[in-house]
Amino acid sequence: MAYDEKLADRLSALVKSRKGFARKKMFGGVAFMLHGNMCFGVHKDSLVIRTDEESANISLKRKYVKPFDITGRPMKGWIMVSKDGIKTKDSLDKWTSLAIKFVKTLPKK
C-alpha cells in the first residue's frame, strides 16, 4: 500500500514556512526531518510521530494512537496516529507540535 499523499501534502503545508525542515522518502512513506532528525511522517494512512518515551506512553492511552511498529519491534518514543485522529487542522497541529517540541531538543545533524 502506498502512503497517504494527501496527509503528506498537509504536513508539507504545515512546515512550508518553517526553517530546518526537509521532506524525505523513508519506510515506504515520507518523513519530515528537522535539522536532520526525523520529526514526523506518513506510513500508509497514519501519521508517525517522534517524541520522548514518557509522552509516547501517555499518548498510547488515547484513542486512534498505537505504537510505531512496522518490523515486529515497537520503537520507543515513536507512535502512529490513525487518520481518524488527525481529521482536523487542530488535531494535526497538536500532534506535530508534540514531535517538533521533542526533536528541537536533539542535536542537529
C-alpha atoms as a PDB file:
ATOM      1  CA  MET A   1       0.000   0.000   0.000  1.00  0.00           C
ATOM      2  CA  ALA A   2       1.284   3.448  -0.888  1.00  0.00           C
ATOM      3  CA  TYR A   3       1.301   6.199   1.686  1.00  0.00           C
ATOM      4  CA  ASP A   4      -1.432   8.816   2.048  1.00  0.00           C
ATOM      5  CA  GLU A   5      -0.216  11.606  -0.221  1.00  0.00           C
ATOM      6  CA  LYS A   6      -2.948  13.981   0.948  1.00  0.00           C
ATOM      7  CA  LEU A   7      -1.668  13.676   4.500  1.00  0.00           C
ATOM      8  CA  ALA A   8       1.887  14.226   3.261  1.00  0.00           C
ATOM      9  CA  ASP A   9       0.687  17.373   1.467  1.00  0.00           C
ATOM     10  CA  ARG A  10      -0.995  18.597   4.666  1.00  0.00           C
ATOM     11  CA  LEU A  11       2.294  18.108   6.505  1.00  0.00           C
ATOM     12  CA  SER A  12       4.237  19.861   3.742  1.00  0.00           C
ATOM     13  CA  ALA A  13       1.917  22.853   4.031  1.00  0.00           C
ATOM     14  CA  LEU A  14       2.346  22.836   7.801  1.00  0.00           C
ATOM     15  CA  VAL A  15       6.162  23.103   7.618  1.00  0.00           C
ATOM     16  CA  LYS A  16       6.382  25.167   4.439  1.00  0.00           C
ATOM     17  CA  SER A  17       7.327  28.406   6.205  1.00  0.00           C
ATOM     18  CA  ARG A  18       9.422  26.795   8.957  1.00  0.00           C
ATOM     19  CA  LYS A  19      13.199  26.668   8.707  1.00  0.00           C
ATOM     20  CA  GLY A  20      15.144  23.453   9.110  1.00  0.00           C
ATOM     21  CA  PHE A  21      12.578  21.046   7.649  1.00  0.00           C
ATOM     22  CA  ALA A  22      13.212  18.675   4.758  1.00  0.00           C
ATOM     23  CA  ARG A  23      10.965  16.043   3.202  1.00  0.00           C
ATOM     24  CA  LYS A  24      12.485  12.590   2.621  1.00  0.00           C
ATOM     25  CA  LYS A  25      11.100   9.247   1.447  1.00  0.00           C
ATOM     26  CA  MET A  26      11.512   6.627   4.181  1.00  0.00           C
ATOM     27  CA  PHE A  27       9.971   3.332   5.414  1.00  0.00           C
ATOM     28  CA  GLY A  28       7.653   3.107   2.391  1.00  0.00           C
ATOM     29  CA  GLY A  29       6.280   6.542   3.186  1.00  0.00           C
ATOM     30  CA  VAL A  30       7.570  10.027   3.692  1.00  0.00           C
ATOM     31  CA  ALA A  31       9.377  11.608   6.636  1.00  0.00           C
ATOM     32  CA  PHE A  32       9.804  15.212   7.627  1.00  0.00           C
ATOM     33  CA  MET A  33      13.234  15.887   9.027  1.00  0.00           C
ATOM     34  CA  LEU A  34      14.008  18.791  11.347  1.00  0.00           C
ATOM     35  CA  HIS A  35      17.703  19.706  11.271  1.00  0.00           C
ATOM     36  CA  GLY A  36      18.488  16.167  10.080  1.00  0.00           C
ATOM     37  CA  ASN A  37      16.414  14.325  12.703  1.00  0.00           C
ATOM     38  CA  MET A  38      13.182  12.618  11.803  1.00  0.00           C
ATOM     39  CA  CYS A  39      10.320  14.532  13.381  1.00  0.00           C
ATOM     40  CA  PHE A  40       7.119  13.097  11.885  1.00  0.00           C
ATOM     41  CA  GLY A  41       5.952  11.404   8.740  1.00  0.00           C
ATOM     42  CA  VAL A  42       3.406   9.258   6.969  1.00  0.00           C
ATOM     43  CA  HIS A  43       3.303   5.469   6.953  1.00  0.00           C
ATOM     44  CA  LYS A  44       0.430   4.088   4.889  1.00  0.00           C
ATOM     45  CA  ASP A  45      -2.501   6.211   6.115  1.00  0.00           C
ATOM     46  CA  SER A  46      -1.158   7.049   9.586  1.00  0.00           C
ATOM     47  CA  LEU A  47       0.821   9.933  10.995  1.00  0.00           C
ATOM     48  CA  VAL A  48       4.104   8.848  12.573  1.00  0.00           C
ATOM     49  CA  ILE A  49       5.267  10.979  15.494  1.00  0.00           C
ATOM     50  CA  ARG A  50       8.628  11.022  17.240  1.00  0.00           C
ATOM     51  CA  THR A  51       8.588  12.131  20.855  1.00  0.00           C
ATOM     52  CA  ASP A  52      10.068  11.275  24.223  1.00  0.00           C
ATOM     53  CA  GLU A  53       9.195   7.943  25.820  1.00  0.00           C
ATOM     54  CA  GLU A  54       7.018   9.432  28.551  1.00  0.00           C
ATOM     55  CA  SER A  55       4.895  11.445  26.114  1.00  0.00           C
ATOM     56  CA  ALA A  56       4.603   8.423  23.842  1.00  0.00           C
ATOM     57  CA  ASN A  57       3.391   6.235  26.704  1.00  0.00           C
ATOM     58  CA  ILE A  58       0.804   8.846  27.707  1.00  0.00           C
ATOM     59  CA  SER A  59      -0.312   9.249  24.083  1.00  0.00           C
ATOM     60  CA  LEU A  60      -0.732   5.488  23.664  1.00  0.00           C
ATOM     61  CA  LYS A  61      -3.664   5.659  26.084  1.00  0.00           C
ATOM     62  CA  ARG A  62      -5.549   7.908  23.672  1.00  0.00           C
ATOM     63  CA  LYS A  63      -7.991   6.854  21.007  1.00  0.00           C
ATOM     64  CA  TYR A  64      -6.531   6.418  17.493  1.00  0.00           C
ATOM     65  CA  VAL A  65      -2.934   6.017  18.756  1.00  0.00           C
ATOM     66  CA  LYS A  66      -0.788   2.890  18.588  1.00  0.00           C
ATOM     67  CA  PRO A  67       2.922   2.069  18.773  1.00  0.00           C
ATOM     68  CA  PHE A  68       5.025   2.629  15.673  1.00  0.00           C
ATOM     69  CA  ASP A  69       5.801  -0.969  14.837  1.00  0.00           C
ATOM     70  CA  ILE A  70       6.492  -1.932  11.240  1.00  0.00           C
ATOM     71  CA  THR A  71       9.135  -4.582  11.968  1.00  0.00           C
ATOM     72  CA  GLY A  72       7.715  -6.537  14.909  1.00  0.00           C
ATOM     73  CA  ARG A  73       9.668  -4.426  17.398  1.00  0.00           C
ATOM     74  CA  PRO A  74       7.908  -1.225  18.506  1.00  0.00           C
ATOM     75  CA  MET A  75      10.214   1.778  18.617  1.00  0.00           C
ATOM     76  CA  LYS A  76      10.369   3.575  21.965  1.00  0.00           C
ATOM     77  CA  GLY A  77       9.249   7.172  21.740  1.00  0.00           C
ATOM     78  CA  TRP A  78       7.508   6.664  18.402  1.00  0.00           C
ATOM     79  CA  ILE A  79       3.755   6.469  17.856  1.00  0.00           C
ATOM     80  CA  MET A  80       1.286   6.284  14.997  1.00  0.00           C
ATOM     81  CA  VAL A  81      -1.955   8.254  14.885  1.00  0.00           C
ATOM     82  CA  SER A  82      -4.629   6.878  12.570  1.00  0.00           C
ATOM     83  CA  LYS A  83      -6.361   9.113  10.035  1.00  0.00           C
ATOM     84  CA  ASP A  84      -9.412   9.376  12.327  1.00  0.00           C
ATOM     85  CA  GLY A  85      -7.203  11.054  14.930  1.00  0.00           C
ATOM     86  CA  ILE A  86      -5.948  13.765  12.574  1.00  0.00           C
ATOM     87  CA  LYS A  87      -9.037  14.829  10.638  1.00  0.00           C
ATOM     88  CA  THR A  88      -8.886  18.471  11.711  1.00  0.00           C
ATOM     89  CA  LYS A  89      -6.118  21.023  11.347  1.00  0.00           C
ATOM     90  CA  ASP A  90      -6.107  21.487  15.125  1.00  0.00           C
ATOM     91  CA  SER A  91      -5.563  17.782  15.761  1.00  0.00           C
ATOM     92  CA  LEU A  92      -2.769  17.604  13.189  1.00  0.00           C
ATOM     93  CA  ASP A  93      -1.153  20.716  14.686  1.00  0.00           C
ATOM     94  CA  LYS A  94      -1.331  19.206  18.177  1.00  0.00           C
ATOM     95  CA  TRP A  95       0.424  16.002  17.181  1.00  0.00           C
ATOM     96  CA  THR A  96       3.086  17.640  15.037  1.00  0.00           C
ATOM     97  CA  SER A  97       3.782  20.216  17.772  1.00  0.00           C
ATOM     98  CA  LEU A  98       4.474  17.359  20.178  1.00  0.00           C
ATOM     99  CA  ALA A  99       7.063  15.968  17.763  1.00  0.00           C
ATOM    100  CA  ILE A 100       8.633  19.350  16.997  1.00  0.00           C
ATOM    101  CA  LYS A 101       8.985  20.143  20.705  1.00  0.00           C
ATOM    102  CA  PHE A 102      10.901  16.898  21.260  1.00  0.00           C
ATOM    103  CA  VAL A 103      13.064  16.975  18.128  1.00  0.00           C
ATOM    104  CA  LYS A 104      14.191  20.523  18.913  1.00  0.00           C
ATOM    105  CA  THR A 105      15.930  19.048  21.989  1.00  0.00           C
ATOM    106  CA  LEU A 106      18.081  16.746  19.819  1.00  0.00           C
ATOM    107  CA  PRO A 107      21.475  17.763  18.418  1.00  0.00           C
ATOM    108  CA  LYS A 108      21.376  18.929  14.812  1.00  0.00           C
ATOM    109  CA  LYS A 109      22.846  16.528  12.260  1.00  0.00           C
END
